[in-house]
């Protein structure tokens, strides 16, 4: 059975994810991506970029500032309405989200959208205990804003107050007029962005599932109001197709629509793609119909014209928006869980990450069979040649079994072994990660062999 302990241990042991600030005792809800985690994350980002931007003609890119004018967040409603319900233990001062505390203890109670007063009553009536100290003595549940405040300049005065962005969308809306004026776009069209966002969230320990800093990939797709249902259904299908193409187990995926009381203040309809994690069904991506809420508010608050003029009809209107959002940090974690496998091989247990070869951090590993200078030289030449086209690793530790096992845990789909036969007929052994089957391939055919194996088609 896959557990969080299995995943977190492998993630650290093999250099995917480390606890942040670990030598100083760590910092709650912060994590660092190691070498293989970064490679995996970049592969996913690049595939998203290819699928939803580069292979299309109706979506363009934007990269906006992490710090925006604070008036942006007031106009968008985030200063007033972007909050979580938190509760503090009076004994040890441990702070946690009230809904998470209840969900972890009372499995059959639905807490989404409940008021702080109702959450307080559930905690008190059921005498829930603090997960940190075990006492049952909590404050009343209160709302805390999720935006991270910061100050611009050296003086901490109210005039210097700003916020780290809690989403990418606002930077896109602020540049709507710039895009219309500088790039030839016609509705329907999208503006995509990828980068980091920040939310001052409290979690109860689920690795990088929910963190203070996280990577997002999303786009705002601008449409006419009368066509919102058609576009919503289209992007719902495209998001599902992308999840399947990444190799996620379809049996562990589902759509869940938000009920009215749990939707964000800007949304008329929101659905999540949820994945069945070891700790339950949780969202990985979201699809929201934001109406014209954002553009209309920014137009009213800034006094700037954010309408779109249809060149054929001459009609001007404020576009409505469909927003597909993809959590990138969370997707890395989800794919690690989905790909984690343990199987008996003889008398030992083999652990592997069965990533689709197209997203695997390392594509090929090259080994000399023995610590032999001649074999090592041939293997090095093959490594250098393959590295021009693929992400490749070289290992000459000498124990072929351990070298295979290490690459299995990294998720490397193919291993190339140079042995004494290589010196005779210039062929090598190529081993497949999932089946462990081996075949002989001519060394000078390896590039073509792997190009065929690693072809990317995400359409």
Protein backbone atom coordinates (compact mmCIF):
# COMPACT_ATOMS: atom_id res chain seq x y z
CA UNK A 1 0.00 0.00 0.00
CA UNK A 2 1.32 3.43 -0.96
CA UNK A 3 1.70 5.79 1.99
CA UNK A 4 2.80 9.39 2.32
CA UNK A 5 5.85 8.14 4.23
CA UNK A 6 6.86 6.03 1.19
CA UNK A 7 6.61 8.97 -1.19
CA UNK A 8 8.26 11.56 1.06
CA UNK A 9 11.14 9.19 1.87
CA UNK A 10 11.81 8.40 -1.80
CA UNK A 11 11.44 12.05 -2.78
CA UNK A 12 14.22 13.02 -0.39
CA UNK A 13 16.42 9.94 -0.90
CA UNK A 14 16.49 10.39 -4.68
CA UNK A 15 16.67 14.18 -4.82
CA UNK A 16 13.16 15.12 -5.92
CA UNK A 17 11.95 17.19 -2.96
CA UNK A 18 13.68 18.35 0.25
CA UNK A 19 12.24 20.01 3.38
CA UNK A 20 13.13 23.69 3.12
CA UNK A 21 15.48 25.26 5.70
CA UNK A 22 16.05 21.77 7.10
CA UNK A 23 19.35 22.47 8.87
CA UNK A 24 17.55 25.11 10.95
CA UNK A 25 14.63 22.86 11.82
CA UNK A 26 12.63 23.56 8.68
CA UNK A 27 9.71 25.91 8.07
CA UNK A 28 6.14 24.65 7.90
CA UNK A 29 4.59 24.39 4.43
CA UNK A 30 7.82 25.14 2.55
CA UNK A 31 9.73 22.67 0.36
CA UNK A 32 12.64 22.77 -2.07
CA UNK A 33 12.78 20.90 -5.37
CA UNK A 34 15.96 18.92 -5.92
CA UNK A 35 17.63 18.12 -9.25
CA UNK A 36 15.14 15.47 -10.38
CA UNK A 37 12.16 17.40 -9.04
CA UNK A 38 13.19 20.46 -11.05
CA UNK A 39 13.68 18.38 -14.21
CA UNK A 40 10.27 16.74 -13.78
CA UNK A 41 8.60 20.08 -13.10
CA UNK A 42 10.23 21.67 -16.14
CA UNK A 43 9.15 18.77 -18.37
CA UNK A 44 5.55 19.19 -17.24
CA UNK A 45 5.69 22.95 -17.74
CA UNK A 46 7.10 22.54 -21.25
CA UNK A 47 4.44 20.01 -22.23
CA UNK A 48 1.71 22.31 -20.92
CA UNK A 49 3.26 25.19 -22.88
CA UNK A 50 3.40 23.11 -26.07
CA UNK A 51 -0.13 21.73 -25.69
CA UNK A 52 -1.98 24.90 -24.71
CA UNK A 53 0.10 27.70 -26.27
CA UNK A 54 2.68 26.76 -28.92
CA UNK A 55 0.48 24.24 -30.76
CA UNK A 56 -2.41 26.72 -30.90
CA UNK A 57 -2.92 30.05 -32.63
CA UNK A 58 -5.43 31.56 -30.18
CA UNK A 59 -3.40 31.75 -26.94
CA UNK A 60 -0.45 34.04 -26.23
CA UNK A 61 2.01 34.27 -23.32
CA UNK A 62 2.52 36.77 -20.53
CA UNK A 63 4.83 36.90 -17.50
CA UNK A 64 3.83 39.51 -14.93
CA UNK A 65 5.24 40.93 -11.70
CA UNK A 66 4.91 39.05 -8.41
CA UNK A 67 4.23 42.37 -6.63
CA UNK A 68 1.38 44.49 -7.98
CA UNK A 69 -0.12 47.79 -6.91
CA UNK A 70 -2.18 46.96 -3.77
CA UNK A 71 -5.21 48.61 -5.38
CA UNK A 72 -5.31 45.60 -7.73
CA UNK A 73 -6.16 43.22 -4.88
CA UNK A 74 -8.73 45.61 -3.46
CA UNK A 75 -10.46 45.89 -6.83
CA UNK A 76 -10.35 42.13 -7.40
CA UNK A 77 -12.04 41.42 -4.06
CA UNK A 78 -9.08 39.48 -2.63
CA UNK A 79 -8.40 41.87 0.26
CA UNK A 80 -11.99 41.52 1.48
CA UNK A 81 -12.93 38.00 0.45
CA UNK A 82 -9.82 35.81 0.06
CA UNK A 83 -9.64 33.99 3.40
CA UNK A 84 -9.54 30.68 5.29
CA UNK A 85 -11.21 29.74 8.57
CA UNK A 86 -8.46 29.12 11.13
CA UNK A 87 -8.47 28.01 14.76
CA UNK A 88 -5.81 28.18 17.49
CA UNK A 89 -5.09 25.75 20.32
CA UNK A 90 -5.14 27.73 23.57
CA UNK A 91 -2.69 25.33 25.20
CA UNK A 92 0.19 25.15 22.66
CA UNK A 93 -0.81 27.94 20.25
CA UNK A 94 -0.85 25.52 17.32
CA UNK A 95 -2.82 27.08 14.43
CA UNK A 96 -4.62 25.04 11.79
CA UNK A 97 -7.45 25.27 9.28
CA UNK A 98 -10.74 24.47 10.98
CA UNK A 99 -12.11 22.51 7.99
CA UNK A 100 -8.97 20.33 7.85
CA UNK A 101 -9.12 19.66 11.60
CA UNK A 102 -12.74 18.51 11.29
CA UNK A 103 -12.21 16.48 8.09
CA UNK A 104 -9.31 14.56 9.61
CA UNK A 105 -11.33 13.58 12.68
CA UNK A 106 -14.93 13.40 11.44
CA UNK A 107 -15.11 11.72 8.05
CA UNK A 108 -18.86 12.05 7.47
CA UNK A 109 -19.30 15.76 8.13
CA UNK A 110 -19.40 18.16 5.17
CA UNK A 111 -17.65 21.40 6.08
CA UNK A 112 -17.15 23.28 2.80
CA UNK A 113 -18.63 26.76 2.99
CA UNK A 114 -19.75 26.59 6.62
CA UNK A 115 -19.57 29.80 8.64
CA UNK A 116 -16.91 30.25 11.38
CA UNK A 117 -19.68 30.00 13.98
CA UNK A 118 -20.85 26.60 12.67
CA UNK A 119 -17.28 25.30 12.44
CA UNK A 120 -16.66 26.39 16.04
CA UNK A 121 -19.77 24.51 17.18
CA UNK A 122 -18.68 21.29 15.40
CA UNK A 123 -15.23 21.44 17.03
CA UNK A 124 -16.67 22.12 20.49
CA UNK A 125 -19.55 19.61 20.29
CA UNK A 126 -17.21 16.81 19.22
CA UNK A 127 -14.45 17.84 21.64
CA UNK A 128 -11.83 17.60 18.91
CA UNK A 129 -8.24 17.45 20.12
CA UNK A 130 -5.25 19.44 18.97
CA UNK A 131 -3.08 17.29 16.64
CA UNK A 132 0.00 18.91 18.17
CA UNK A 133 -0.50 18.63 21.95
CA UNK A 134 -3.62 16.47 22.31
CA UNK A 135 -5.60 19.00 24.34
CA UNK A 136 -9.20 19.93 23.52
CA UNK A 137 -9.20 23.68 24.07
CA UNK A 138 -9.53 25.83 20.95
CA UNK A 139 -10.29 29.47 20.27
CA UNK A 140 -13.33 30.32 18.20
CA UNK A 141 -12.84 29.93 14.46
CA UNK A 142 -11.82 33.16 12.72
CA UNK A 143 -11.27 34.25 9.11
CA UNK A 144 -7.68 35.03 8.03
CA UNK A 145 -6.77 36.58 4.70
CA UNK A 146 -4.55 34.40 2.51
CA UNK A 147 -2.67 37.20 0.80
CA UNK A 148 0.94 37.64 1.93
CA UNK A 149 1.49 41.27 2.94
CA UNK A 150 4.87 42.88 2.31
CA UNK A 151 6.26 46.41 2.37
CA UNK A 152 7.91 48.33 -0.43
CA UNK A 153 10.96 50.35 0.62
CA UNK A 154 12.55 50.53 4.05
CA UNK A 155 9.73 52.16 6.05
CA UNK A 156 6.88 49.93 7.28
CA UNK A 157 4.16 52.50 6.82
CA UNK A 158 0.64 51.86 5.55
CA UNK A 159 1.44 53.64 2.30
CA UNK A 160 4.16 51.08 1.51
CA UNK A 161 1.90 48.05 2.04
CA UNK A 162 1.76 45.62 -0.89
CA UNK A 163 0.97 41.95 -1.41
CA UNK A 164 2.68 38.98 -3.03
CA UNK A 165 0.37 37.72 -5.74
CA UNK A 166 -2.11 35.06 -4.67
CA UNK A 167 -2.91 34.08 -8.26
CA UNK A 168 -1.59 34.78 -11.77
CA UNK A 169 -4.90 35.97 -13.19
CA UNK A 170 -4.78 39.59 -12.02
CA UNK A 171 -1.56 40.33 -13.91
CA UNK A 172 -3.27 39.03 -17.05
CA UNK A 173 -6.36 41.22 -16.57
CA UNK A 174 -4.19 44.30 -15.96
CA UNK A 175 -2.49 43.73 -19.31
CA UNK A 176 -5.66 43.04 -21.29
CA UNK A 177 -5.56 46.46 -23.02
CA UNK A 178 -1.82 46.16 -23.72
CA UNK A 179 -2.39 42.81 -25.44
CA UNK A 180 -5.25 44.20 -27.55
CA UNK A 181 -3.12 47.17 -28.61
CA UNK A 182 0.08 45.26 -29.45
CA UNK A 183 -0.85 41.74 -30.60
CA UNK A 184 -3.35 40.73 -33.27
CA UNK A 185 -5.92 38.78 -31.27
CA UNK A 186 -9.61 38.23 -31.86
CA UNK A 187 -12.19 36.83 -29.47
CA UNK A 188 -12.20 34.04 -28.53
CA UNK A 189 -8.54 34.13 -27.43
CA UNK A 190 -6.48 33.34 -24.37
CA UNK A 191 -3.61 34.85 -22.39
CA UNK A 192 -1.48 32.25 -20.60
CA UNK A 193 0.96 32.66 -17.73
CA UNK A 194 3.20 30.40 -15.67
CA UNK A 195 5.02 31.25 -12.45
CA UNK A 196 4.98 31.34 -8.67
CA UNK A 197 2.15 32.47 -6.43
CA UNK A 198 1.88 32.80 -2.65
CA UNK A 199 -0.87 31.99 -0.16
CA UNK A 200 -0.59 32.25 3.60
CA UNK A 201 -2.23 28.86 4.11
CA UNK A 202 -2.15 26.52 7.07
CA UNK A 203 -1.96 22.79 6.32
CA UNK A 204 -1.68 19.62 8.33
CA UNK A 205 1.34 18.12 6.56
CA UNK A 206 0.80 16.76 3.06
CA UNK A 207 4.23 17.48 1.57
CA UNK A 208 4.03 19.82 -1.46
CA UNK A 209 0.28 19.34 -1.91
CA UNK A 210 -0.43 22.73 -0.30
CA UNK A 211 2.41 25.16 0.33
CA UNK A 212 3.06 28.83 0.99
CA UNK A 213 4.82 29.23 -2.36
CA UNK A 214 3.75 27.22 -5.38
CA UNK A 215 3.96 27.08 -9.18
CA UNK A 216 0.89 27.67 -11.31
CA UNK A 217 0.11 27.36 -15.01
CA UNK A 218 -3.10 28.97 -16.15
CA UNK A 219 -4.76 31.04 -18.81
CA UNK A 220 -7.71 33.36 -19.10
CA UNK A 221 -9.79 32.60 -22.19
CA UNK A 222 -11.79 35.66 -23.29
CA UNK A 223 -15.19 35.01 -24.85
CA UNK A 224 -18.61 36.44 -25.54
CA UNK A 225 -21.05 35.85 -22.67
CA UNK A 226 -23.55 33.95 -24.83
CA UNK A 227 -20.93 31.29 -25.64
CA UNK A 228 -19.63 30.57 -22.15
CA UNK A 229 -21.20 27.11 -21.80
CA UNK A 230 -19.75 25.94 -25.11
CA UNK A 231 -16.25 27.09 -24.19
CA UNK A 232 -16.53 25.76 -20.66
CA UNK A 233 -17.37 22.27 -21.93
CA UNK A 234 -14.55 22.44 -24.49
CA UNK A 235 -11.90 23.28 -21.90
CA UNK A 236 -13.28 20.67 -19.54
CA UNK A 237 -12.63 18.02 -22.21
CA UNK A 238 -9.17 19.41 -23.02
CA UNK A 239 -8.06 19.38 -19.37
CA UNK A 240 -9.23 15.78 -18.94
CA UNK A 241 -7.41 14.72 -22.12
CA UNK A 242 -4.21 16.36 -20.88
CA UNK A 243 -4.41 14.54 -17.53
CA UNK A 244 -4.72 11.21 -19.34
CA UNK A 245 -1.87 12.05 -21.71
CA UNK A 246 0.41 12.69 -18.75
CA UNK A 247 -0.23 9.09 -17.71
CA UNK A 248 -2.39 9.73 -14.64
CA UNK A 249 -4.55 6.76 -13.70
CA UNK A 250 -8.05 7.64 -14.94
CA UNK A 251 -9.62 5.52 -12.19
CA UNK A 252 -8.14 7.92 -9.63
CA UNK A 253 -9.47 11.05 -11.35
CA UNK A 254 -12.89 12.67 -11.16
CA UNK A 255 -14.64 15.97 -11.77
CA UNK A 256 -16.34 17.67 -8.84
CA UNK A 257 -18.42 20.80 -9.19
CA UNK A 258 -18.30 23.41 -6.45
CA UNK A 259 -21.58 24.14 -4.76
CA UNK A 260 -22.70 27.75 -4.65
CA UNK A 261 -21.55 28.40 -1.08
CA UNK A 262 -17.98 27.22 -1.76
CA UNK A 263 -17.30 29.03 -5.05
CA UNK A 264 -14.84 31.90 -5.11
CA UNK A 265 -16.32 35.39 -5.08
CA UNK A 266 -15.58 35.88 -8.79
CA UNK A 267 -16.95 32.57 -10.10
CA UNK A 268 -20.34 31.61 -11.52
CA UNK A 269 -19.32 27.98 -12.08
CA UNK A 270 -16.23 26.11 -10.84
CA UNK A 271 -15.23 22.48 -11.27
CA UNK A 272 -12.13 20.68 -10.01
CA UNK A 273 -10.33 17.67 -11.34
CA UNK A 274 -9.68 15.71 -8.17
CA UNK A 275 -7.19 12.90 -7.61
CA UNK A 276 -7.47 10.14 -5.02
CA UNK A 277 -4.44 10.77 -2.80
CA UNK A 278 -3.48 8.54 0.16
CA UNK A 279 -5.22 11.18 2.31
CA UNK A 280 -8.40 11.32 0.22
CA UNK A 281 -9.85 13.00 -2.88
CA UNK A 282 -8.32 16.44 -3.38
CA UNK A 283 -8.23 18.95 -6.21
CA UNK A 284 -5.27 19.16 -8.60
CA UNK A 285 -6.68 21.49 -11.30
CA UNK A 286 -9.60 23.87 -11.51
CA UNK A 287 -11.87 25.28 -14.21
CA UNK A 288 -13.75 28.49 -13.42
CA UNK A 289 -16.19 30.71 -15.26
CA UNK A 290 -15.18 34.13 -13.92
CA UNK A 291 -17.82 36.02 -15.98
CA UNK A 292 -16.71 39.65 -16.60
CA UNK A 293 -16.14 40.19 -12.87
CA UNK A 294 -12.43 41.05 -13.04
CA UNK A 295 -12.32 43.23 -16.15
CA UNK A 296 -15.46 45.11 -15.07
CA UNK A 297 -14.09 45.80 -11.56
CA UNK A 298 -10.70 46.93 -12.83
CA UNK A 299 -12.40 49.14 -15.42
CA UNK A 300 -14.57 50.76 -12.75
CA UNK A 301 -11.80 51.18 -10.18
CA UNK A 302 -9.04 52.35 -12.57
CA UNK A 303 -11.17 54.38 -14.96
CA UNK A 304 -9.43 52.71 -17.93
CA UNK A 305 -11.26 51.29 -20.93
CA UNK A 306 -11.06 47.49 -20.85
CA UNK A 307 -13.71 46.76 -23.46
CA UNK A 308 -13.19 44.74 -26.62
CA UNK A 309 -14.42 46.05 -29.98
CA UNK A 310 -15.60 43.54 -32.55
CA UNK A 311 -14.18 44.71 -35.87
CA UNK A 312 -16.98 43.11 -37.90
CA UNK A 313 -19.98 44.40 -35.96
CA UNK A 314 -18.44 47.50 -34.38
CA UNK A 315 -19.91 46.37 -31.06
CA UNK A 316 -17.89 47.02 -27.88
CA UNK A 317 -18.30 44.85 -24.79
CA UNK A 318 -16.49 43.57 -21.73
CA UNK A 319 -15.45 39.96 -22.45
CA UNK A 320 -16.32 37.08 -20.15
CA UNK A 321 -13.62 34.66 -19.06
CA UNK A 322 -13.12 30.90 -18.76
CA UNK A 323 -10.09 30.06 -16.57
CA UNK A 324 -8.35 26.64 -16.68
CA UNK A 325 -5.80 26.49 -13.82
CA UNK A 326 -3.11 23.82 -13.45
CA UNK A 327 -1.18 23.49 -10.19
CA UNK A 328 2.37 22.65 -11.31
CA UNK A 329 4.00 21.93 -7.93
CA UNK A 330 0.99 19.83 -6.98
CA UNK A 331 1.14 18.01 -10.33
CA UNK A 332 4.74 16.92 -9.65
CA UNK A 333 3.63 15.46 -6.32
CA UNK A 334 0.55 13.82 -7.87
CA UNK A 335 2.58 12.16 -10.61
CA UNK A 336 5.09 10.84 -8.07
CA UNK A 337 2.26 9.22 -6.13
CA UNK A 338 0.59 7.91 -9.28
CA UNK A 339 3.86 6.48 -10.64
CA UNK A 340 5.13 4.93 -7.40
CA UNK A 341 5.26 1.12 -7.57
CA UNK A 342 6.69 -1.67 -5.45
CA UNK A 343 7.05 -5.24 -6.78
CA UNK A 344 8.75 -8.46 -5.83
CA UNK A 345 11.72 -9.44 -8.00
CA UNK A 346 13.07 -12.76 -6.79
CA UNK A 347 13.66 -12.38 -3.06
CA UNK A 348 13.93 -8.59 -3.11
CA UNK A 349 11.53 -5.66 -3.40
CA UNK A 350 11.91 -3.35 -6.39
CA UNK A 351 10.74 0.26 -6.12
CA UNK A 352 10.21 2.25 -9.30
CA UNK A 353 8.65 5.46 -10.55
CA UNK A 354 6.77 4.49 -13.70
CA UNK A 355 6.69 7.97 -15.25
CA UNK A 356 5.61 8.19 -18.86
CA UNK A 357 8.98 8.35 -20.70
CA UNK A 358 8.03 11.74 -22.14
CA UNK A 359 7.95 13.37 -18.70
CA UNK A 360 10.66 11.33 -16.90
CA UNK A 361 13.40 13.59 -15.41
CA UNK A 362 16.17 11.47 -16.97
CA UNK A 363 15.56 9.62 -20.23
CA UNK A 364 18.59 7.32 -20.45
CA UNK A 365 21.33 6.08 -18.12
CA UNK A 366 24.60 4.66 -19.47
CA UNK A 367 26.77 2.14 -17.57
CA UNK A 368 29.95 0.17 -18.19
CA UNK A 369 29.32 -3.39 -16.95
CA UNK A 370 32.60 -3.58 -15.06
CA UNK A 371 35.19 -1.11 -13.80
CA UNK A 372 37.21 -1.66 -16.93
CA UNK A 373 38.94 1.32 -18.56
CA UNK A 374 38.12 0.16 -22.09
CA UNK A 375 34.42 -0.36 -21.32
CA UNK A 376 34.32 2.91 -19.41
CA UNK A 377 35.79 4.76 -22.38
CA UNK A 378 33.20 3.32 -24.78
CA UNK A 379 30.39 4.09 -22.33
CA UNK A 380 31.64 7.66 -21.90
CA UNK A 381 31.63 8.21 -25.66
CA UNK A 382 28.05 6.93 -25.90
CA UNK A 383 27.03 9.12 -22.95
CA UNK A 384 28.54 12.26 -24.51
CA UNK A 385 26.88 11.55 -27.87
CA UNK A 386 23.42 10.86 -26.41
CA UNK A 387 23.63 13.89 -24.10
CA UNK A 388 23.45 16.16 -27.15
CA UNK A 389 19.82 15.12 -27.65
CA UNK A 390 18.54 13.75 -24.32
CA UNK A 391 18.89 14.17 -20.57
CA UNK A 392 21.33 11.32 -19.83
CA UNK A 393 23.20 10.10 -16.75
CA UNK A 394 26.48 8.18 -16.50
CA UNK A 395 27.21 5.74 -13.67
CA UNK A 396 30.28 3.53 -13.25
CA UNK A 397 29.92 2.41 -9.62
CA UNK A 398 30.35 -1.16 -10.83
CA UNK A 399 27.36 -2.93 -9.27
CA UNK A 400 24.91 -3.31 -12.16
CA UNK A 401 22.00 -4.31 -9.87
CA UNK A 402 22.36 -1.20 -7.69
CA UNK A 403 22.76 1.01 -10.74
CA UNK A 404 19.50 -0.36 -12.18
CA UNK A 405 17.66 0.06 -8.88
CA UNK A 406 18.78 3.67 -8.51
CA UNK A 407 17.54 4.54 -12.00
CA UNK A 408 14.27 2.69 -11.34
CA UNK A 409 13.62 4.93 -8.34
CA UNK A 410 14.45 8.05 -10.35
CA UNK A 411 12.06 6.83 -13.05
CA UNK A 412 14.59 6.55 -15.90
CA UNK A 413 12.83 4.57 -18.65
CA UNK A 414 15.95 3.16 -20.37
CA UNK A 415 19.38 1.97 -19.28
CA UNK A 416 22.26 1.26 -21.68
CA UNK A 417 24.91 -1.21 -20.56
CA UNK A 418 28.28 -1.47 -22.27
CA UNK A 419 29.78 -4.97 -21.89
CA UNK A 420 32.57 -7.03 -23.41
CA UNK A 421 30.43 -7.91 -26.43
CA UNK A 422 30.22 -4.19 -27.22
CA UNK A 423 33.94 -4.13 -27.93
CA UNK A 424 33.45 -6.94 -30.44
CA UNK A 425 30.30 -6.01 -32.40
CA UNK A 426 29.56 -2.42 -31.23
CA UNK A 427 26.17 -3.43 -29.77
CA UNK A 428 24.89 -2.57 -26.29
CA UNK A 429 22.17 -3.84 -23.97
CA UNK A 430 19.13 -1.59 -23.62
CA UNK A 431 17.00 -2.38 -20.59
CA UNK A 432 13.37 -1.26 -20.28
CA UNK A 433 12.44 0.06 -16.80
CA UNK A 434 8.89 -1.29 -16.57
CA UNK A 435 9.27 -4.77 -18.09
CA UNK A 436 12.99 -5.15 -17.25
CA UNK A 437 13.35 -6.78 -20.70
CA UNK A 438 16.67 -6.32 -22.46
CA UNK A 439 17.58 -6.15 -26.13
CA UNK A 440 20.76 -5.66 -28.11
CA UNK A 441 20.97 -2.44 -30.12
CA UNK A 442 23.81 -1.16 -32.27
CA UNK A 443 25.53 1.75 -30.53
CA UNK A 444 25.35 3.94 -33.63
CA UNK A 445 21.54 3.39 -33.78
CA UNK A 446 20.81 4.48 -30.21
CA UNK A 447 19.82 8.06 -31.04
CA UNK A 448 17.21 6.99 -33.54
CA UNK A 449 16.04 4.21 -31.23
CA UNK A 450 15.39 6.60 -28.34
CA UNK A 451 13.87 9.31 -30.54
CA UNK A 452 11.24 6.81 -31.64
CA UNK A 453 10.64 5.68 -28.08
CA UNK A 454 10.35 9.23 -26.73
CA UNK A 455 8.17 10.82 -29.39
CA UNK A 456 5.89 13.43 -27.84
CA UNK A 457 2.32 13.72 -29.12
CA UNK A 458 0.00 15.60 -26.80
CA UNK A 459 -2.70 16.49 -29.30
